[in-house]
Protein backbone atom coordinates (compact mmCIF):
# COMPACT_ATOMS: atom_id res chain seq x y z
CA GLU A 1 122.99 131.77 76.05
CA LYS A 2 123.57 128.31 74.60
CA TYR A 3 121.06 125.53 75.10
CA LYS A 4 121.23 121.79 74.55
CA SER A 5 118.15 119.94 73.32
CA THR A 6 117.25 116.99 75.56
CA GLY A 7 114.13 115.44 77.08
CA ILE A 8 112.41 113.06 79.45
CA TYR A 9 111.69 109.52 78.24
CA SER A 10 108.40 107.73 78.80
CA LYS A 11 108.28 104.46 80.72
CA LEU A 12 105.13 103.26 78.97
CA VAL A 13 104.85 104.56 75.39
CA THR A 14 106.93 103.00 72.61
CA LYS A 15 107.23 103.50 68.89
CA LYS A 16 108.78 100.84 66.68
CA GLY A 17 109.87 98.99 69.79
CA LYS A 18 111.65 101.94 71.43
CA LEU A 19 110.58 104.20 74.29
CA VAL A 20 109.72 107.71 73.13
CA LYS A 21 110.36 111.06 74.81
CA ALA A 22 107.38 112.37 76.76
CA VAL A 23 108.74 115.92 76.98
CA TYR A 24 111.34 117.93 75.04
CA VAL A 25 113.49 120.46 76.96
CA ASP A 26 116.15 123.03 76.02
CA LEU A 27 118.81 122.66 78.71
CA PRO A 28 120.98 125.76 79.38
CA VAL A 29 124.74 125.23 79.56
CA GLY A 30 125.77 124.63 83.18
CA TYR A 31 122.35 123.26 84.17
CA ARG A 32 121.34 119.67 84.92
CA ILE A 33 118.05 117.89 84.42
CA SER A 34 116.63 115.51 87.03
CA GLY A 35 113.42 113.53 87.39
CA GLY A 36 111.63 111.55 84.74
CA THR A 37 108.10 110.23 84.72
CA VAL A 38 106.21 108.75 87.64
CA LEU A 39 103.42 106.20 87.76
CA PRO A 40 101.22 107.22 90.72
CA LYS A 41 98.81 104.73 92.24
CA ASN A 42 95.74 104.18 90.06
CA MET A 43 96.88 106.86 87.59
CA THR A 44 98.61 107.05 84.25
CA GLU A 45 102.16 108.24 83.50
CA VAL A 46 102.99 111.79 84.65
CA PRO A 47 106.18 113.78 83.81
CA PHE A 48 108.13 115.08 86.82
CA PHE A 49 111.37 116.96 86.30
CA CYS A 50 113.51 120.00 87.15
CA VAL A 51 116.11 121.90 85.12
CA GLU A 52 118.38 123.56 87.67
CA ASN A 53 121.70 124.78 88.99
CA LYS A 54 122.59 126.21 92.42
CA LYS A 55 120.95 129.57 91.72
CA SER A 56 117.82 128.84 89.70
CA LYS A 57 115.44 126.14 88.54
CA ALA A 58 112.52 125.46 86.22
CA CYS A 59 110.24 122.56 87.13
CA THR A 60 107.10 120.69 86.22
CA ILE A 61 105.75 118.96 89.34
CA PHE A 62 102.98 116.39 89.71
CA ILE A 63 100.48 117.46 92.39
CA TYR A 64 98.50 114.86 94.32
CA TYR A 65 96.90 115.12 97.75
CA GLN A 66 94.06 113.07 99.26
CA PHE A 67 92.43 113.47 102.65
CA PHE A 68 89.95 110.97 104.10
CA ASN A 69 87.93 111.45 107.28
CA TYR A 70 85.38 109.25 109.03
CA SER A 71 83.63 111.00 111.94
CA SER A 72 82.69 108.06 114.10
CA TYR A 73 81.71 108.83 117.69
CA LEU A 74 83.61 105.71 118.73
CA THR A 75 86.90 106.16 116.89
CA PRO A 76 87.17 109.09 114.46
CA ILE A 77 89.67 108.49 111.68
CA ALA A 78 91.60 110.98 109.53
CA VAL A 79 94.28 109.85 107.07
CA ALA A 80 96.03 111.66 104.22
CA GLN A 81 98.59 111.04 101.51
CA LEU A 82 100.43 113.15 98.95
CA PHE A 83 102.95 112.82 96.15
CA SER A 84 106.37 113.77 97.49
CA PRO A 85 108.69 115.64 95.08
CA ILE A 86 111.58 114.55 97.30
CA TYR A 87 110.88 110.80 97.37
CA LYS A 88 109.17 110.81 93.93
CA ARG A 89 106.31 108.65 95.18
CA THR A 90 103.08 108.87 97.17
CA VAL A 91 103.62 108.91 100.96
CA GLN A 92 101.41 109.04 104.05
CA THR A 93 101.30 112.44 105.76
CA ASN A 94 99.83 114.16 108.81
CA LEU A 95 99.49 117.46 106.92
CA TYR A 96 96.08 118.97 106.24
CA PHE A 97 95.55 121.71 103.64
CA LYS A 98 92.35 123.76 103.76
CA THR A 99 92.87 125.29 100.31
CA GLU A 100 94.72 124.59 97.10
CA ILE A 101 96.87 127.70 97.71
CA GLU A 102 98.22 126.21 100.96
CA LEU A 103 98.98 122.98 99.09
CA ILE A 104 100.90 124.72 96.26
CA ASN A 105 102.89 126.85 98.72
CA PHE A 106 103.92 123.63 100.46
CA TYR A 107 105.18 122.14 97.18
CA LEU A 108 107.13 125.32 96.35
CA ARG A 109 108.80 125.35 99.79
CA SER A 110 109.74 121.68 99.45
CA LEU A 111 111.61 122.60 96.23
CA GLY A 112 113.54 125.47 97.79
CA VAL A 113 111.29 128.41 96.86
CA GLN A 114 110.93 130.25 100.17
CA ILE A 115 109.11 133.40 98.97
CA GLN A 116 105.34 133.80 99.39
CA PRO A 117 103.94 134.18 95.84
CA LYS A 118 100.71 135.81 94.72
CA HIS A 119 98.11 133.35 93.38
CA ILE A 120 95.84 134.67 90.60
CA LEU A 121 92.77 132.58 89.71
CA THR A 122 92.50 132.46 85.89
CA SER A 123 89.87 129.75 85.40
CA ASN A 124 87.20 128.07 87.53
CA GLY A 125 84.91 125.53 85.90
CA ILE A 126 84.21 121.86 85.19
CA TYR A 127 86.66 119.57 83.41
CA PRO A 128 84.48 117.96 80.67
CA LEU A 129 86.21 114.56 80.54
CA SER A 130 85.74 113.79 84.25
CA GLN A 131 83.01 116.31 85.22
CA MET A 132 85.22 117.33 88.16
CA PRO A 133 85.72 120.94 89.29
CA LYS A 134 88.89 122.41 87.76
CA LYS A 135 90.80 125.54 88.83
CA SER A 136 93.72 127.23 87.09
CA TYR A 137 96.07 129.77 88.68
CA GLU A 138 99.04 131.92 87.79
CA ILE A 139 101.70 132.53 90.45
CA LEU A 140 103.88 135.64 90.63
CA GLY A 141 106.65 136.65 93.00
CA ASN A 142 110.11 138.16 93.19
CA ASN A 143 112.02 136.36 90.37
CA LEU A 144 109.27 133.72 90.29
CA ILE A 145 106.62 132.97 87.69
CA GLY A 146 104.49 129.90 87.05
CA TYR A 147 101.07 128.36 86.74
CA TYR A 148 99.12 125.33 87.90
CA ASP A 149 95.93 123.42 87.09
CA LEU A 150 94.08 121.30 89.64
CA LEU A 151 91.17 118.89 89.49
CA ILE A 152 89.36 118.98 92.82
CA GLY A 153 87.33 115.99 93.95
CA GLU A 154 85.11 116.29 97.01
CA VAL A 155 82.97 113.34 98.09
CA PHE A 156 80.55 113.07 101.00
CA MET A 157 80.01 109.44 102.01
CA PRO A 158 76.89 109.00 104.17
CA PRO A 159 76.58 108.87 107.04
CA ASN A 160 79.95 110.18 108.30
CA GLY A 161 82.56 109.85 105.56
CA TYR A 162 84.31 112.67 103.70
CA SER A 163 87.12 112.72 101.14
CA LYS A 164 88.90 115.53 99.27
CA THR A 165 91.43 115.08 96.48
CA TYR A 166 93.64 117.47 94.52
CA VAL A 167 95.27 116.23 91.28
CA GLY A 168 97.18 118.38 88.81
CA ALA A 169 100.49 119.87 87.80
CA LEU A 170 102.62 122.88 88.78
CA THR A 171 105.10 124.52 86.39
CA PHE A 172 107.36 127.37 87.49
CA ALA A 173 110.68 129.17 86.99
CA TYR A 174 112.62 130.71 89.88
CA GLY A 175 115.99 132.40 90.29
CA LYS A 176 117.87 134.03 93.14
CA THR A 177 118.72 137.01 90.89
CA LYS A 178 117.08 138.56 87.84
CA GLU A 179 119.73 137.04 85.54
CA ASP A 180 119.30 133.59 87.09
CA PHE A 181 115.53 133.91 86.72
CA GLN A 182 115.82 134.76 83.01
CA LYS A 183 117.82 131.58 82.36
CA ALA A 184 115.30 129.44 84.25
CA PHE A 185 112.40 131.14 82.45
CA GLY A 186 114.03 130.39 79.09
CA ALA A 187 114.19 126.70 80.02
CA MET A 188 110.58 126.69 81.27
CA ILE A 189 109.08 128.10 78.05
CA SER A 190 110.97 125.42 76.08
CA PHE A 191 109.03 122.57 77.78
CA LEU A 192 107.17 120.81 74.95
CA TYR A 193 105.08 117.64 75.27
CA ASN A 194 105.53 115.03 72.53
CA PRO A 195 102.18 114.92 70.62
CA TYR A 196 102.54 111.18 69.99
CA TRP A 197 103.10 110.49 73.70
CA VAL A 198 100.09 112.68 74.61
CA SER A 199 97.83 110.80 72.17
CA GLU A 200 98.88 107.35 73.42
CA ILE A 201 98.80 108.22 77.12
CA THR A 202 95.33 109.80 76.77
CA LYS A 203 93.91 106.53 75.44
CA PHE A 204 95.45 104.69 78.37
CA SER A 205 94.11 107.30 80.82
CA PHE A 206 90.50 106.75 79.79
CA GLN A 207 90.83 103.03 80.42
CA GLU A 208 92.44 103.57 83.83
CA ALA A 209 89.87 106.19 84.87
CA LYS A 210 87.03 103.75 84.24
CA LYS A 211 88.76 101.05 86.30
CA GLU A 212 89.47 103.49 89.13
CA MET A 213 85.85 104.64 89.33
CA GLU A 214 84.59 101.06 89.57
CA HIS A 215 87.26 100.20 92.16
CA SER A 216 86.48 103.25 94.33
CA MET A 217 82.77 102.41 94.47
CA TRP A 218 83.59 98.82 95.46
CA MET A 219 86.03 99.97 98.18
CA TRP A 220 83.47 102.30 99.75
CA LYS A 221 80.83 99.53 99.86
CA GLU A 222 83.35 97.18 101.48
CA PHE A 223 84.37 99.85 103.98
CA ARG A 224 80.72 100.37 104.97
CA LYS A 225 80.36 96.62 105.51
CA THR A 226 83.47 96.75 107.68
CA MET A 227 82.05 99.61 109.75
CA ASP A 228 78.74 97.81 110.31
CA TYR A 229 80.53 94.66 111.40
CA ILE A 230 82.88 96.55 113.75
CA ASN A 231 80.02 98.42 115.40
CA LYS A 232 78.27 95.12 116.10
CA LEU A 233 81.45 93.80 117.69
CA HIS A 234 81.71 96.84 119.91
CA HIS A 235 78.14 96.69 121.17
CA HIS A 236 78.33 92.94 121.64
CA SER A 237 81.24 92.93 124.05
CA ILE A 238 83.56 95.45 125.71
CA LYS A 239 86.26 92.80 125.47
CA GLU A 240 86.25 93.28 121.69
CA TRP A 241 87.42 96.92 122.01
CA GLN A 242 91.03 96.23 121.04
CA ILE A 243 89.92 94.30 117.95
CA TYR A 244 87.67 97.19 117.03
CA GLN A 245 90.50 99.75 117.08
CA GLU A 246 92.95 97.59 115.15
CA GLU A 247 90.54 96.63 112.40
CA MET A 248 89.15 100.16 111.96
CA ALA A 249 92.68 101.44 111.31
CA ARG A 250 93.41 98.55 108.98
CA ALA A 251 90.24 99.04 106.92
CA ALA A 252 90.84 102.79 106.56
CA SER A 253 94.47 102.22 105.60
CA ASN A 254 93.44 99.76 102.89
CA ILE A 255 91.20 102.39 101.28
CA LEU A 256 94.33 104.41 100.46
CA SER A 257 96.54 101.46 99.56
CA ASP A 258 96.93 98.87 96.83
CA TYR A 259 96.61 95.86 99.16
CA THR A 260 93.84 93.38 99.87
CA TYR A 261 93.21 90.12 101.74
CA ILE A 262 92.89 86.69 100.19
CA ARG A 263 92.00 83.42 101.93
CA ASP A 264 92.67 79.82 101.05
CA PRO A 265 89.21 78.16 101.38
CA GLU A 266 90.80 74.76 102.00
CA THR A 267 93.34 75.64 104.72
CA GLY A 268 91.76 78.83 106.08
CA GLU A 269 95.06 80.74 105.70
CA ILE A 270 94.73 84.50 105.10
CA PHE A 271 97.30 86.58 103.17
CA HIS A 272 97.69 90.37 102.84
CA ILE A 273 99.04 91.06 99.33
CA GLU A 274 99.28 93.76 96.68
CA ASP A 275 95.96 94.09 94.83
CA ASP A 276 97.05 94.18 91.20
CA ALA A 277 95.27 91.18 89.63
CA LYS A 278 91.70 90.15 88.83
CA GLU A 279 91.86 86.69 90.46
CA TYR A 280 94.18 84.89 92.86
CA TRP A 281 94.84 81.10 92.89
CA ARG A 282 97.02 78.66 94.81
CA ASP A 283 98.76 75.93 92.87
CA ASN A 284 99.38 72.37 94.00
CA GLU A 285 102.68 73.45 95.60
CA ASN A 286 100.90 76.14 97.68
CA ASN A 287 102.33 79.06 95.68
CA ILE A 288 100.03 82.09 95.24
CA VAL A 289 99.46 82.79 91.54
CA LYS A 290 97.98 86.06 90.21
CA LEU A 291 95.76 85.96 87.12
CA PHE A 292 95.67 89.29 85.30
CA GLU A 293 93.47 88.03 82.42
CA PRO A 294 91.53 85.10 83.96
CA GLU A 295 89.02 84.99 81.11
CA GLU A 296 91.80 83.61 78.92
CA ILE A 297 92.52 80.72 81.30
CA ASP A 298 90.69 77.37 81.49
CA ARG A 299 89.68 77.35 85.18
CA LYS A 300 88.40 73.73 84.98
CA LEU A 301 91.87 72.65 83.90
CA LEU A 302 93.41 74.49 86.85
CA LYS A 303 91.10 72.67 89.27
CA THR A 304 91.97 69.29 87.76
CA LEU A 305 95.63 70.14 88.39
CA GLY A 306 94.87 70.70 92.06
CA TRP A 307 94.74 74.49 91.98
CA ARG A 308 92.38 76.38 94.36
CA LYS A 309 90.77 79.78 93.72
CA MET A 310 91.40 82.14 96.65
CA GLU A 311 88.63 84.13 98.32
CA TYR A 312 89.07 87.92 98.12
CA ARG A 313 88.00 90.89 100.24
CA LEU A 314 89.21 94.29 101.54
CA GLU A 315 89.22 93.41 105.24
CA GLY A 316 90.87 90.38 106.77
CA PHE A 317 88.59 89.62 109.70
CA GLY A 318 85.04 88.44 110.36
CA GLN A 319 83.14 85.61 108.69
CA TRP A 320 84.34 84.69 105.19
C-alpha cells in the first residue's frame, strides 16, 4: 500500500522564521487528513488530527474535561466543560463522567466508534513534572486498537467546593473490516512528533503551568470572597434573593472562563472583558487599552497624558 508523507504544522513554533511541523504522518492513498493543532484555554499547543476515509480512521485526540461543584445549602452549583472533537474547542456541557473509562468511551462514540472496547490499565502513578496522578490505558476491540494517557486532578476546596479535571491524549486506529483496520493501523504507527517542536513547546509549557497555578489560586480566593459577600446579602434581606442567584451563577461561570471585570474609577463604569493582559487602562478618548508587559511602560507618562488605570476583579458587583 502506498503512503504519502505529510504532517501537521505548529501554530506557535518557528525555525528560521517559518512554522515547523509538529507531527509527521504517512498518509495512505485514498485517505484524507483533517485537524491541526489546538490552543486550549490556559494550556500550550496540542496536536489534534485524524487520518481517515469512509471505512476507517486513525486519530490522535486531545482529552480535556473539568467538573466543578459547590454544595451550598442555598444554591448548589455544578458546571462542567470539555474539549469537543467536533467543534475543536472547549465547550460547556451538562455531562458528568464518574470515571476516565466513561469519558474515553464518550470521545470514541463522538468520532464514530460505536463498539464497546476493553480498557486495560498499564500504568498508575504520579507524573513527576506536575506531581499529579497519571494513568495509562490500552484499548482493544473488534478492529480497534489504541492507548491513552490522562493526568487526573482532584481538588477539595473547603468548605464545600470540589473540582475534578482530566487532561491527556487518546490515539487509536479503527476500521469497519480487518483490511480497513490494517490500513488505519499503518497510519497510526507512522505518527511521529517533531523533536524540535517537542523541545520548544515543553519550554513554553513550563512557563504556562506556573502562570496557571498562580491564576487558579487567585480565582479560588476571589470566589470565596464572592461567596461570603453573597451569603451576607441573603441573610440581610429576602429582597436580595434574585441578586444572589444571578451573581452566584456569574461568579461560578467566571471560574471556568477567560473573562473578568474592570471598572473605571473616575466614571464608575464596569466592563466585562477577556482576561488576557496584566493591566487595563483607559486612554483620554475613553478606549480600553490592554498592557501585556506593563513593567516596560512609563505609567507616570500615561497619567500625564490623561490615561486612567482600571480597577480589576473577578466579580462585577459589591463594593469596589
